[in-house]
Each structure stands twice: as structure tokens, then as C-alpha cells.
Amino acid sequence: MPNHLILASSSPRRQALLKQVNIPFSIRKPDVDESKITMSDPMERVKQLAELKSNVTPLLNKDEVILSADTVVSYDNEILEKPKDKVDALRMLSLLSGSTHEVFTGVTIRSADRKITFAEKTEVDFWPLSSSEMDRYIATGEPDDKAGSYGIQGAGAMFVKKINGDFYNVVGLPVSRVIRELREFSIET
């Protein structure tokens, strides 16, 4: 009998990605204090955050599989999470303008008898951005809940010159790898 996937996240982007590939799931939002993880290495940070989210999300029966994830943007050894305000969003977009940054997503998949954690990295090159285009973008509100202050799947796509790696990793979940790992937990598309 197939297992049932529980997405330990309220992220609309992660929900949309799982729906896009026809994986049925339920949502169980973790109650977690992310400030407990202070690691500065972005790859290790997202893995630890994904594990923390998984560990605080209860398995309610033996056929459940928990999927948790966390995404950060890193530029020049600085982790860029969600902006605190519009000034912070402008600071981040200014840093990313005309440069290459990395997006890391950590994923934990856990059942009653098994757990795996991994992270994916995608490099993103931005075009040089003018002050007016950054201001107009920030005014849309799109950067407010996005690591690095942009959404590649939304209007932020206009900033992207090229990417090297998994596009969906930048959106918030490396879908192709997640599907392959979920198969090991008896979850099929």
C-alpha cells in the first residue's frame, strides 16, 4: 500500500510544485524557531533547517512520510533570507544586480523507519538592475516572502540572465530529485 505524503510547509510555491507533478499530499505546518540554526554555511544551514522542520512535525501513523524543506540565497558568503522590509529588499537586490549568486534548498524526507536529508545548489546570474526597476519590483510586494528578495517564478524572472542547475530548486523545491527520493519511501507520482 502506498504511503501518504505530509508537506511540512505552508509555502504556496512548494504546494504548487507538488501539485504540478501530481503528488497527493496533506499539509502539516511545523512550529519551529528557525533562529536556533545559526550555521553560516548555506548548504549546511538549509539541511539543518529542513531536518529541524521535519523533527518537529509529528508522524501520526505508520503510512505517513514527512517532506520538509528550506531555501536560502547566498551571495559572497552572505546568506540572504526573506527581507525584513523594503530597505532590506533593495539592499539584497542591489547585491545580486549584475552578479552570480547561489540558491540552496535543503530537503528532509522522513518516515517511521527511515530519514534522508540532502541539499541542492543552483547558480543564478542576474542582469545589471537599475534603481527604478528594483523600486518598481519591490513596490509589487513580490519580494516580501522570498529568500534573496525575488521570485524567479514571478516578475523576478526579468532579472535572471541565466541559471546553472535545477530551476525548481530556485522556486523552493528540487522537484526532480525529490520525486526520485520519494520513490524510496513508496510514494509515486
N, C-alpha and C. Protein backbone atom coordinates (compact mmCIF):
# COMPACT_ATOMS: atom_id res chain seq x y z
N MET A 1 0.84 -1.19 0.00
CA MET A 1 0.00 0.00 0.00
C MET A 1 0.88 1.24 0.00
N PRO A 2 0.55 2.24 -0.83
CA PRO A 2 1.39 3.44 -0.88
C PRO A 2 1.27 4.26 0.39
N ASN A 3 2.33 4.97 0.67
CA ASN A 3 2.34 5.87 1.82
C ASN A 3 1.70 7.21 1.47
N HIS A 4 1.41 7.98 2.50
CA HIS A 4 0.79 9.30 2.32
C HIS A 4 1.81 10.39 2.65
N LEU A 5 1.97 11.34 1.74
CA LEU A 5 2.93 12.41 1.92
C LEU A 5 2.34 13.56 2.73
N ILE A 6 3.10 14.02 3.70
CA ILE A 6 2.77 15.19 4.50
C ILE A 6 3.81 16.25 4.19
N LEU A 7 3.37 17.40 3.66
CA LEU A 7 4.28 18.51 3.40
C LEU A 7 4.34 19.36 4.66
N ALA A 8 5.52 19.41 5.26
CA ALA A 8 5.73 20.19 6.48
C ALA A 8 6.11 21.61 6.07
N SER A 9 5.14 22.32 5.49
CA SER A 9 5.39 23.67 4.99
C SER A 9 4.07 24.32 4.62
N SER A 10 4.01 25.63 4.78
CA SER A 10 2.84 26.36 4.30
C SER A 10 3.18 27.14 3.03
N SER A 11 4.35 26.88 2.45
CA SER A 11 4.80 27.58 1.25
C SER A 11 3.88 27.29 0.07
N PRO A 12 3.26 28.32 -0.48
CA PRO A 12 2.41 28.09 -1.66
C PRO A 12 3.21 27.60 -2.86
N ARG A 13 4.49 27.97 -2.93
CA ARG A 13 5.32 27.53 -4.05
C ARG A 13 5.60 26.03 -3.97
N ARG A 14 5.92 25.53 -2.78
CA ARG A 14 6.17 24.09 -2.64
C ARG A 14 4.89 23.30 -2.91
N GLN A 15 3.77 23.81 -2.42
CA GLN A 15 2.49 23.15 -2.68
C GLN A 15 2.21 23.08 -4.18
N ALA A 16 2.43 24.19 -4.88
CA ALA A 16 2.17 24.23 -6.33
C ALA A 16 3.09 23.27 -7.08
N LEU A 17 4.34 23.16 -6.65
CA LEU A 17 5.27 22.25 -7.33
C LEU A 17 4.85 20.79 -7.16
N LEU A 18 4.41 20.41 -5.96
CA LEU A 18 3.95 19.03 -5.76
C LEU A 18 2.68 18.75 -6.57
N LYS A 19 1.79 19.72 -6.62
CA LYS A 19 0.56 19.56 -7.43
C LYS A 19 0.91 19.45 -8.91
N GLN A 20 1.91 20.21 -9.34
CA GLN A 20 2.32 20.21 -10.75
C GLN A 20 2.75 18.82 -11.21
N VAL A 21 3.35 18.06 -10.30
CA VAL A 21 3.82 16.71 -10.67
C VAL A 21 2.90 15.61 -10.13
N ASN A 22 1.68 16.02 -9.77
CA ASN A 22 0.62 15.07 -9.40
C ASN A 22 0.95 14.19 -8.20
N ILE A 23 1.59 14.77 -7.19
CA ILE A 23 1.84 14.02 -5.96
C ILE A 23 0.79 14.47 -4.94
N PRO A 24 -0.09 13.57 -4.52
CA PRO A 24 -1.07 13.95 -3.49
C PRO A 24 -0.37 14.14 -2.15
N PHE A 25 -0.84 15.14 -1.39
CA PHE A 25 -0.22 15.42 -0.11
C PHE A 25 -1.20 16.15 0.79
N SER A 26 -0.89 16.13 2.07
CA SER A 26 -1.58 16.95 3.06
C SER A 26 -0.55 17.91 3.62
N ILE A 27 -1.03 18.96 4.26
CA ILE A 27 -0.13 19.96 4.84
C ILE A 27 -0.19 19.86 6.36
N ARG A 28 0.97 19.88 6.97
CA ARG A 28 1.10 19.94 8.42
C ARG A 28 2.22 20.94 8.70
N LYS A 29 1.85 22.17 8.98
CA LYS A 29 2.84 23.23 9.14
C LYS A 29 3.63 23.04 10.43
N PRO A 30 4.96 23.03 10.32
CA PRO A 30 5.78 22.88 11.53
C PRO A 30 5.82 24.18 12.34
N ASP A 31 5.83 24.03 13.63
CA ASP A 31 6.00 25.17 14.53
C ASP A 31 7.46 25.15 14.97
N VAL A 32 8.27 25.98 14.33
CA VAL A 32 9.71 25.89 14.53
C VAL A 32 10.33 27.28 14.69
N ASP A 33 11.32 27.34 15.55
CA ASP A 33 12.09 28.57 15.74
C ASP A 33 13.36 28.44 14.92
N GLU A 34 13.35 29.05 13.73
CA GLU A 34 14.49 28.93 12.81
C GLU A 34 15.75 29.62 13.33
N SER A 35 15.60 30.50 14.31
CA SER A 35 16.78 31.20 14.84
C SER A 35 17.70 30.26 15.61
N LYS A 36 17.23 29.05 15.91
CA LYS A 36 18.09 28.06 16.59
C LYS A 36 19.25 27.62 15.70
N ILE A 37 19.06 27.72 14.39
CA ILE A 37 20.11 27.31 13.45
C ILE A 37 20.88 28.56 13.05
N THR A 38 22.12 28.63 13.47
CA THR A 38 22.94 29.82 13.22
C THR A 38 24.12 29.55 12.30
N MET A 39 24.17 28.36 11.73
CA MET A 39 25.27 27.98 10.85
C MET A 39 25.38 28.95 9.68
N SER A 40 26.60 29.36 9.33
CA SER A 40 26.79 30.33 8.26
C SER A 40 27.02 29.68 6.89
N ASP A 41 27.35 28.39 6.85
CA ASP A 41 27.50 27.70 5.57
C ASP A 41 26.09 27.43 5.01
N PRO A 42 25.75 28.00 3.84
CA PRO A 42 24.38 27.89 3.35
C PRO A 42 23.91 26.46 3.09
N MET A 43 24.78 25.60 2.58
CA MET A 43 24.39 24.21 2.30
C MET A 43 24.06 23.49 3.61
N GLU A 44 24.89 23.66 4.61
CA GLU A 44 24.63 23.01 5.90
C GLU A 44 23.43 23.64 6.61
N ARG A 45 23.29 24.95 6.46
CA ARG A 45 22.16 25.64 7.10
C ARG A 45 20.82 25.12 6.60
N VAL A 46 20.66 25.02 5.27
CA VAL A 46 19.36 24.56 4.75
C VAL A 46 19.09 23.10 5.11
N LYS A 47 20.14 22.30 5.18
CA LYS A 47 19.94 20.90 5.59
C LYS A 47 19.50 20.84 7.05
N GLN A 48 20.15 21.63 7.91
CA GLN A 48 19.77 21.62 9.32
C GLN A 48 18.36 22.17 9.53
N LEU A 49 17.99 23.22 8.78
CA LEU A 49 16.65 23.77 8.90
C LEU A 49 15.59 22.77 8.41
N ALA A 50 15.88 22.08 7.30
CA ALA A 50 14.94 21.06 6.80
C ALA A 50 14.78 19.95 7.83
N GLU A 51 15.88 19.52 8.46
CA GLU A 51 15.80 18.48 9.50
C GLU A 51 15.02 18.96 10.72
N LEU A 52 15.28 20.19 11.13
CA LEU A 52 14.57 20.75 12.27
C LEU A 52 13.06 20.77 12.01
N LYS A 53 12.66 21.24 10.84
CA LYS A 53 11.24 21.27 10.47
C LYS A 53 10.64 19.86 10.46
N SER A 54 11.41 18.92 9.96
CA SER A 54 10.94 17.53 9.93
C SER A 54 10.77 16.97 11.34
N ASN A 55 11.76 17.21 12.17
CA ASN A 55 11.76 16.64 13.52
C ASN A 55 10.63 17.15 14.40
N VAL A 56 10.18 18.40 14.16
CA VAL A 56 9.09 18.93 14.98
C VAL A 56 7.70 18.63 14.40
N THR A 57 7.69 18.01 13.22
CA THR A 57 6.42 17.65 12.59
C THR A 57 6.11 16.19 12.90
N PRO A 58 5.05 15.94 13.64
CA PRO A 58 4.79 14.56 14.08
C PRO A 58 4.29 13.65 12.96
N LEU A 59 4.73 12.40 13.04
CA LEU A 59 4.15 11.34 12.22
C LEU A 59 2.98 10.79 13.02
N LEU A 60 1.79 10.85 12.46
CA LEU A 60 0.60 10.42 13.19
C LEU A 60 0.23 8.97 12.96
N ASN A 61 0.75 8.36 11.89
CA ASN A 61 0.58 6.92 11.69
C ASN A 61 1.69 6.38 10.81
N LYS A 62 1.77 5.07 10.72
CA LYS A 62 2.93 4.43 10.09
C LYS A 62 3.00 4.59 8.57
N ASP A 63 1.91 5.02 7.93
CA ASP A 63 1.98 5.18 6.47
C ASP A 63 2.28 6.62 6.04
N GLU A 64 2.62 7.49 6.99
CA GLU A 64 2.93 8.88 6.64
C GLU A 64 4.42 9.07 6.36
N VAL A 65 4.69 9.97 5.42
CA VAL A 65 6.04 10.38 5.09
C VAL A 65 6.06 11.91 5.14
N ILE A 66 6.97 12.45 5.93
CA ILE A 66 7.10 13.91 6.08
C ILE A 66 8.12 14.43 5.07
N LEU A 67 7.75 15.50 4.36
CA LEU A 67 8.67 16.19 3.46
C LEU A 67 8.80 17.63 3.97
N SER A 68 10.02 18.03 4.31
CA SER A 68 10.27 19.40 4.75
C SER A 68 11.41 19.98 3.93
N ALA A 69 11.43 21.30 3.82
CA ALA A 69 12.47 21.95 3.01
C ALA A 69 12.71 23.36 3.51
N ASP A 70 13.87 23.89 3.15
CA ASP A 70 14.20 25.28 3.43
C ASP A 70 15.10 25.78 2.30
N THR A 71 14.90 27.03 1.91
CA THR A 71 15.66 27.62 0.81
C THR A 71 16.30 28.93 1.26
N VAL A 72 17.56 29.12 0.90
CA VAL A 72 18.23 30.40 1.11
C VAL A 72 19.00 30.78 -0.16
N VAL A 73 19.24 32.07 -0.27
CA VAL A 73 20.08 32.61 -1.33
C VAL A 73 21.40 33.01 -0.67
N SER A 74 22.50 32.77 -1.36
CA SER A 74 23.81 33.13 -0.83
C SER A 74 24.56 33.95 -1.88
N TYR A 75 25.11 35.07 -1.41
CA TYR A 75 25.94 35.90 -2.28
C TYR A 75 27.18 36.32 -1.50
N ASP A 76 28.33 36.02 -2.06
CA ASP A 76 29.60 36.43 -1.47
C ASP A 76 29.67 36.05 0.02
N ASN A 77 29.32 34.80 0.31
CA ASN A 77 29.35 34.22 1.65
C ASN A 77 28.35 34.84 2.62
N GLU A 78 27.37 35.60 2.12
CA GLU A 78 26.31 36.13 2.97
C GLU A 78 25.00 35.40 2.62
N ILE A 79 24.34 34.89 3.63
CA ILE A 79 23.05 34.24 3.43
C ILE A 79 21.97 35.31 3.39
N LEU A 80 21.21 35.29 2.30
CA LEU A 80 20.13 36.25 2.11
C LEU A 80 18.80 35.51 2.27
N GLU A 81 18.17 35.73 3.39
CA GLU A 81 16.88 35.07 3.63
C GLU A 81 15.76 36.01 3.18
N LYS A 82 14.59 35.90 3.76
CA LYS A 82 13.49 36.80 3.41
C LYS A 82 13.82 38.20 3.93
N PRO A 83 13.50 39.24 3.16
CA PRO A 83 13.84 40.60 3.60
C PRO A 83 13.01 41.03 4.81
N LYS A 84 13.64 41.82 5.66
CA LYS A 84 12.94 42.34 6.85
C LYS A 84 11.95 43.43 6.48
N ASP A 85 12.30 44.20 5.43
CA ASP A 85 11.48 45.33 5.00
C ASP A 85 11.91 45.72 3.59
N LYS A 86 11.34 46.80 3.07
CA LYS A 86 11.64 47.24 1.70
C LYS A 86 13.10 47.69 1.54
N VAL A 87 13.65 48.29 2.58
CA VAL A 87 15.06 48.72 2.54
C VAL A 87 15.98 47.51 2.42
N ASP A 88 15.67 46.47 3.19
CA ASP A 88 16.45 45.23 3.14
C ASP A 88 16.31 44.56 1.77
N ALA A 89 15.10 44.59 1.20
CA ALA A 89 14.88 44.01 -0.13
C ALA A 89 15.73 44.75 -1.16
N LEU A 90 15.78 46.07 -1.08
CA LEU A 90 16.59 46.86 -2.01
C LEU A 90 18.08 46.54 -1.83
N ARG A 91 18.51 46.39 -0.59
CA ARG A 91 19.91 46.04 -0.32
C ARG A 91 20.26 44.71 -0.99
N MET A 92 19.38 43.71 -0.84
CA MET A 92 19.65 42.39 -1.42
C MET A 92 19.66 42.43 -2.94
N LEU A 93 18.66 43.06 -3.53
CA LEU A 93 18.62 43.14 -5.00
C LEU A 93 19.82 43.90 -5.54
N SER A 94 20.28 44.91 -4.83
CA SER A 94 21.47 45.67 -5.24
C SER A 94 22.71 44.78 -5.22
N LEU A 95 22.79 43.91 -4.20
CA LEU A 95 23.92 42.98 -4.14
C LEU A 95 23.90 42.00 -5.32
N LEU A 96 22.71 41.51 -5.67
CA LEU A 96 22.57 40.49 -6.71
C LEU A 96 22.69 41.06 -8.12
N SER A 97 22.46 42.37 -8.26
CA SER A 97 22.48 43.03 -9.56
C SER A 97 23.81 42.81 -10.29
N GLY A 98 23.75 42.29 -11.51
CA GLY A 98 24.93 42.11 -12.34
C GLY A 98 25.91 41.07 -11.84
N SER A 99 25.46 40.16 -10.99
CA SER A 99 26.38 39.18 -10.42
C SER A 99 25.76 37.78 -10.41
N THR A 100 26.56 36.84 -9.92
CA THR A 100 26.11 35.45 -9.78
C THR A 100 25.93 35.14 -8.31
N HIS A 101 24.83 34.48 -7.99
CA HIS A 101 24.60 34.04 -6.61
C HIS A 101 24.16 32.58 -6.64
N GLU A 102 24.08 31.99 -5.47
CA GLU A 102 23.67 30.59 -5.35
C GLU A 102 22.37 30.51 -4.57
N VAL A 103 21.55 29.54 -4.96
CA VAL A 103 20.32 29.23 -4.22
C VAL A 103 20.46 27.80 -3.73
N PHE A 104 20.27 27.63 -2.43
CA PHE A 104 20.38 26.31 -1.79
C PHE A 104 19.02 25.92 -1.23
N THR A 105 18.61 24.71 -1.50
CA THR A 105 17.41 24.16 -0.87
C THR A 105 17.79 22.86 -0.19
N GLY A 106 17.50 22.79 1.11
CA GLY A 106 17.70 21.57 1.87
C GLY A 106 16.37 20.84 1.98
N VAL A 107 16.42 19.54 1.92
CA VAL A 107 15.21 18.71 1.97
C VAL A 107 15.43 17.56 2.93
N THR A 108 14.43 17.30 3.77
CA THR A 108 14.42 16.09 4.60
C THR A 108 13.15 15.33 4.29
N ILE A 109 13.30 14.03 4.10
CA ILE A 109 12.17 13.12 3.90
C ILE A 109 12.28 12.08 5.01
N ARG A 110 11.18 11.92 5.76
CA ARG A 110 11.23 11.05 6.94
C ARG A 110 9.96 10.21 7.04
N SER A 111 10.17 8.93 7.33
CA SER A 111 9.06 8.02 7.65
C SER A 111 9.33 7.47 9.05
N ALA A 112 8.52 6.53 9.48
CA ALA A 112 8.69 5.96 10.82
C ALA A 112 10.03 5.23 10.96
N ASP A 113 10.54 4.69 9.85
CA ASP A 113 11.76 3.88 9.96
C ASP A 113 12.93 4.37 9.10
N ARG A 114 12.80 5.57 8.50
CA ARG A 114 13.86 6.00 7.61
C ARG A 114 13.87 7.52 7.49
N LYS A 115 15.06 8.08 7.27
CA LYS A 115 15.16 9.53 7.06
C LYS A 115 16.36 9.82 6.16
N ILE A 116 16.15 10.73 5.21
CA ILE A 116 17.26 11.22 4.39
C ILE A 116 17.20 12.74 4.36
N THR A 117 18.37 13.34 4.26
CA THR A 117 18.47 14.79 4.12
C THR A 117 19.50 15.07 3.04
N PHE A 118 19.16 16.01 2.16
CA PHE A 118 20.10 16.40 1.11
C PHE A 118 19.86 17.87 0.78
N ALA A 119 20.77 18.44 0.01
CA ALA A 119 20.62 19.82 -0.44
C ALA A 119 21.06 19.92 -1.89
N GLU A 120 20.42 20.83 -2.59
CA GLU A 120 20.77 21.13 -3.98
C GLU A 120 21.20 22.58 -4.08
N LYS A 121 22.11 22.85 -5.03
CA LYS A 121 22.59 24.22 -5.27
C LYS A 121 22.37 24.57 -6.73
N THR A 122 21.86 25.77 -6.96
CA THR A 122 21.69 26.30 -8.31
C THR A 122 22.34 27.67 -8.36
N GLU A 123 23.13 27.90 -9.41
CA GLU A 123 23.74 29.22 -9.60
C GLU A 123 22.84 30.06 -10.49
N VAL A 124 22.65 31.32 -10.09
CA VAL A 124 21.78 32.24 -10.83
C VAL A 124 22.56 33.50 -11.17
N ASP A 125 22.56 33.88 -12.45
CA ASP A 125 23.19 35.14 -12.89
C ASP A 125 22.09 36.17 -13.12
N PHE A 126 22.28 37.35 -12.54
CA PHE A 126 21.35 38.47 -12.73
C PHE A 126 21.92 39.46 -13.73
N TRP A 127 21.05 40.07 -14.52
CA TRP A 127 21.42 41.21 -15.32
C TRP A 127 21.71 42.38 -14.38
N PRO A 128 22.46 43.39 -14.81
CA PRO A 128 22.57 44.61 -14.01
C PRO A 128 21.17 45.24 -13.90
N LEU A 129 20.81 45.67 -12.69
CA LEU A 129 19.48 46.21 -12.45
C LEU A 129 19.55 47.71 -12.17
N SER A 130 18.63 48.45 -12.73
CA SER A 130 18.57 49.89 -12.46
C SER A 130 17.81 50.12 -11.16
N SER A 131 18.04 51.26 -10.55
CA SER A 131 17.33 51.61 -9.32
C SER A 131 15.83 51.62 -9.54
N SER A 132 15.39 52.14 -10.67
CA SER A 132 13.95 52.24 -10.93
C SER A 132 13.31 50.86 -11.10
N GLU A 133 14.00 49.93 -11.77
CA GLU A 133 13.37 48.61 -11.91
C GLU A 133 13.34 47.85 -10.58
N MET A 134 14.36 48.05 -9.72
CA MET A 134 14.32 47.43 -8.40
C MET A 134 13.19 48.04 -7.56
N ASP A 135 13.05 49.37 -7.61
CA ASP A 135 11.99 50.04 -6.85
C ASP A 135 10.60 49.57 -7.31
N ARG A 136 10.40 49.49 -8.63
CA ARG A 136 9.10 49.04 -9.16
C ARG A 136 8.81 47.60 -8.72
N TYR A 137 9.83 46.77 -8.75
CA TYR A 137 9.64 45.37 -8.35
C TYR A 137 9.31 45.28 -6.86
N ILE A 138 10.03 45.99 -6.04
CA ILE A 138 9.78 45.97 -4.59
C ILE A 138 8.36 46.46 -4.29
N ALA A 139 7.90 47.45 -5.05
CA ALA A 139 6.55 48.01 -4.84
C ALA A 139 5.45 46.98 -5.12
N THR A 140 5.76 45.93 -5.90
CA THR A 140 4.75 44.89 -6.17
C THR A 140 4.47 44.03 -4.95
N GLY A 141 5.41 44.03 -3.98
CA GLY A 141 5.26 43.18 -2.80
C GLY A 141 5.77 41.77 -3.01
N GLU A 142 6.12 41.42 -4.24
CA GLU A 142 6.58 40.05 -4.51
C GLU A 142 7.81 39.65 -3.69
N PRO A 143 8.77 40.54 -3.44
CA PRO A 143 9.97 40.13 -2.70
C PRO A 143 9.73 39.83 -1.22
N ASP A 144 8.60 40.26 -0.67
CA ASP A 144 8.38 40.24 0.77
C ASP A 144 8.60 38.88 1.44
N ASP A 145 8.19 37.80 0.80
CA ASP A 145 8.29 36.48 1.44
C ASP A 145 9.24 35.54 0.69
N LYS A 146 10.22 36.13 0.00
CA LYS A 146 11.12 35.32 -0.82
C LYS A 146 12.57 35.47 -0.36
N ALA A 147 13.25 34.36 -0.22
CA ALA A 147 14.68 34.39 0.07
C ALA A 147 15.39 35.17 -1.03
N GLY A 148 16.28 36.07 -0.64
CA GLY A 148 17.00 36.87 -1.61
C GLY A 148 16.18 37.99 -2.22
N SER A 149 14.93 38.14 -1.80
CA SER A 149 14.04 39.22 -2.23
C SER A 149 13.56 39.13 -3.68
N TYR A 150 13.53 37.92 -4.24
CA TYR A 150 12.96 37.80 -5.59
C TYR A 150 12.35 36.42 -5.78
N GLY A 151 11.40 36.38 -6.71
CA GLY A 151 10.78 35.11 -7.09
C GLY A 151 11.04 34.85 -8.55
N ILE A 152 11.81 33.82 -8.86
CA ILE A 152 12.15 33.51 -10.25
C ILE A 152 10.91 33.06 -11.02
N GLN A 153 9.91 32.54 -10.31
CA GLN A 153 8.69 32.06 -10.95
C GLN A 153 7.68 33.18 -11.18
N GLY A 154 8.00 34.40 -10.71
CA GLY A 154 7.11 35.54 -10.87
C GLY A 154 7.79 36.64 -11.68
N ALA A 155 7.48 37.88 -11.32
CA ALA A 155 8.05 39.02 -12.03
C ALA A 155 9.57 39.09 -11.89
N GLY A 156 10.11 38.48 -10.85
CA GLY A 156 11.57 38.45 -10.66
C GLY A 156 12.30 37.74 -11.79
N ALA A 157 11.57 37.00 -12.61
CA ALA A 157 12.18 36.31 -13.76
C ALA A 157 12.88 37.29 -14.70
N MET A 158 12.42 38.54 -14.72
CA MET A 158 13.01 39.52 -15.64
C MET A 158 14.45 39.88 -15.26
N PHE A 159 14.88 39.55 -14.06
CA PHE A 159 16.24 39.86 -13.62
C PHE A 159 17.25 38.76 -14.00
N VAL A 160 16.76 37.58 -14.33
CA VAL A 160 17.61 36.40 -14.49
C VAL A 160 18.21 36.32 -15.89
N LYS A 161 19.53 36.38 -15.94
CA LYS A 161 20.25 36.26 -17.21
C LYS A 161 20.39 34.78 -17.59
N LYS A 162 20.78 33.95 -16.60
CA LYS A 162 20.88 32.51 -16.84
C LYS A 162 20.97 31.79 -15.51
N ILE A 163 20.71 30.49 -15.56
CA ILE A 163 20.89 29.66 -14.36
C ILE A 163 21.71 28.43 -14.71
N ASN A 164 22.37 27.91 -13.71
CA ASN A 164 23.12 26.66 -13.84
C ASN A 164 22.65 25.76 -12.72
N GLY A 165 21.80 24.79 -13.07
CA GLY A 165 21.25 23.89 -12.07
C GLY A 165 19.75 23.78 -12.22
N ASP A 166 19.11 23.27 -11.20
CA ASP A 166 17.68 22.98 -11.20
C ASP A 166 16.86 24.27 -11.00
N PHE A 167 16.07 24.65 -12.00
CA PHE A 167 15.21 25.83 -11.91
C PHE A 167 14.28 25.73 -10.70
N TYR A 168 13.68 24.57 -10.50
CA TYR A 168 12.70 24.41 -9.42
C TYR A 168 13.33 24.50 -8.04
N ASN A 169 14.62 24.24 -7.97
CA ASN A 169 15.35 24.45 -6.72
C ASN A 169 15.28 25.92 -6.32
N VAL A 170 15.36 26.82 -7.31
CA VAL A 170 15.29 28.25 -7.04
C VAL A 170 13.88 28.64 -6.59
N VAL A 171 12.88 27.95 -7.12
CA VAL A 171 11.49 28.21 -6.72
C VAL A 171 11.27 27.77 -5.27
N GLY A 172 11.98 26.70 -4.84
CA GLY A 172 11.87 26.28 -3.45
C GLY A 172 11.85 24.79 -3.20
N LEU A 173 11.93 23.97 -4.27
CA LEU A 173 11.95 22.52 -4.09
C LEU A 173 12.55 21.87 -5.33
N PRO A 174 13.67 21.15 -5.19
CA PRO A 174 14.26 20.47 -6.35
C PRO A 174 13.42 19.24 -6.72
N VAL A 175 12.35 19.49 -7.46
CA VAL A 175 11.29 18.52 -7.70
C VAL A 175 11.79 17.19 -8.26
N SER A 176 12.63 17.24 -9.26
CA SER A 176 13.09 16.01 -9.90
C SER A 176 13.79 15.08 -8.91
N ARG A 177 14.69 15.63 -8.12
CA ARG A 177 15.38 14.80 -7.11
C ARG A 177 14.41 14.35 -6.03
N VAL A 178 13.52 15.24 -5.60
CA VAL A 178 12.55 14.88 -4.56
C VAL A 178 11.70 13.68 -5.02
N ILE A 179 11.23 13.71 -6.26
CA ILE A 179 10.42 12.59 -6.77
C ILE A 179 11.20 11.28 -6.70
N ARG A 180 12.45 11.32 -7.11
CA ARG A 180 13.26 10.10 -7.10
C ARG A 180 13.48 9.59 -5.68
N GLU A 181 13.68 10.51 -4.74
CA GLU A 181 13.87 10.10 -3.35
C GLU A 181 12.56 9.59 -2.74
N LEU A 182 11.43 10.21 -3.10
CA LEU A 182 10.14 9.77 -2.56
C LEU A 182 9.78 8.35 -2.98
N ARG A 183 10.25 7.94 -4.13
CA ARG A 183 10.00 6.56 -4.59
C ARG A 183 10.56 5.54 -3.60
N GLU A 184 11.66 5.90 -2.95
CA GLU A 184 12.27 5.02 -1.95
C GLU A 184 11.41 4.92 -0.69
N PHE A 185 10.44 5.82 -0.57
CA PHE A 185 9.51 5.84 0.56
C PHE A 185 8.11 5.39 0.12
N SER A 186 8.04 4.71 -1.01
CA SER A 186 6.78 4.20 -1.58
C SER A 186 5.76 5.30 -1.86
N ILE A 187 6.25 6.42 -2.37
CA ILE A 187 5.37 7.49 -2.83
C ILE A 187 5.67 7.70 -4.31
N GLU A 188 4.63 7.50 -5.11
CA GLU A 188 4.76 7.62 -6.56
C GLU A 188 3.92 8.77 -7.09
N THR A 189 4.30 9.25 -8.26
CA THR A 189 3.51 10.29 -8.93
C THR A 189 2.39 9.64 -9.70
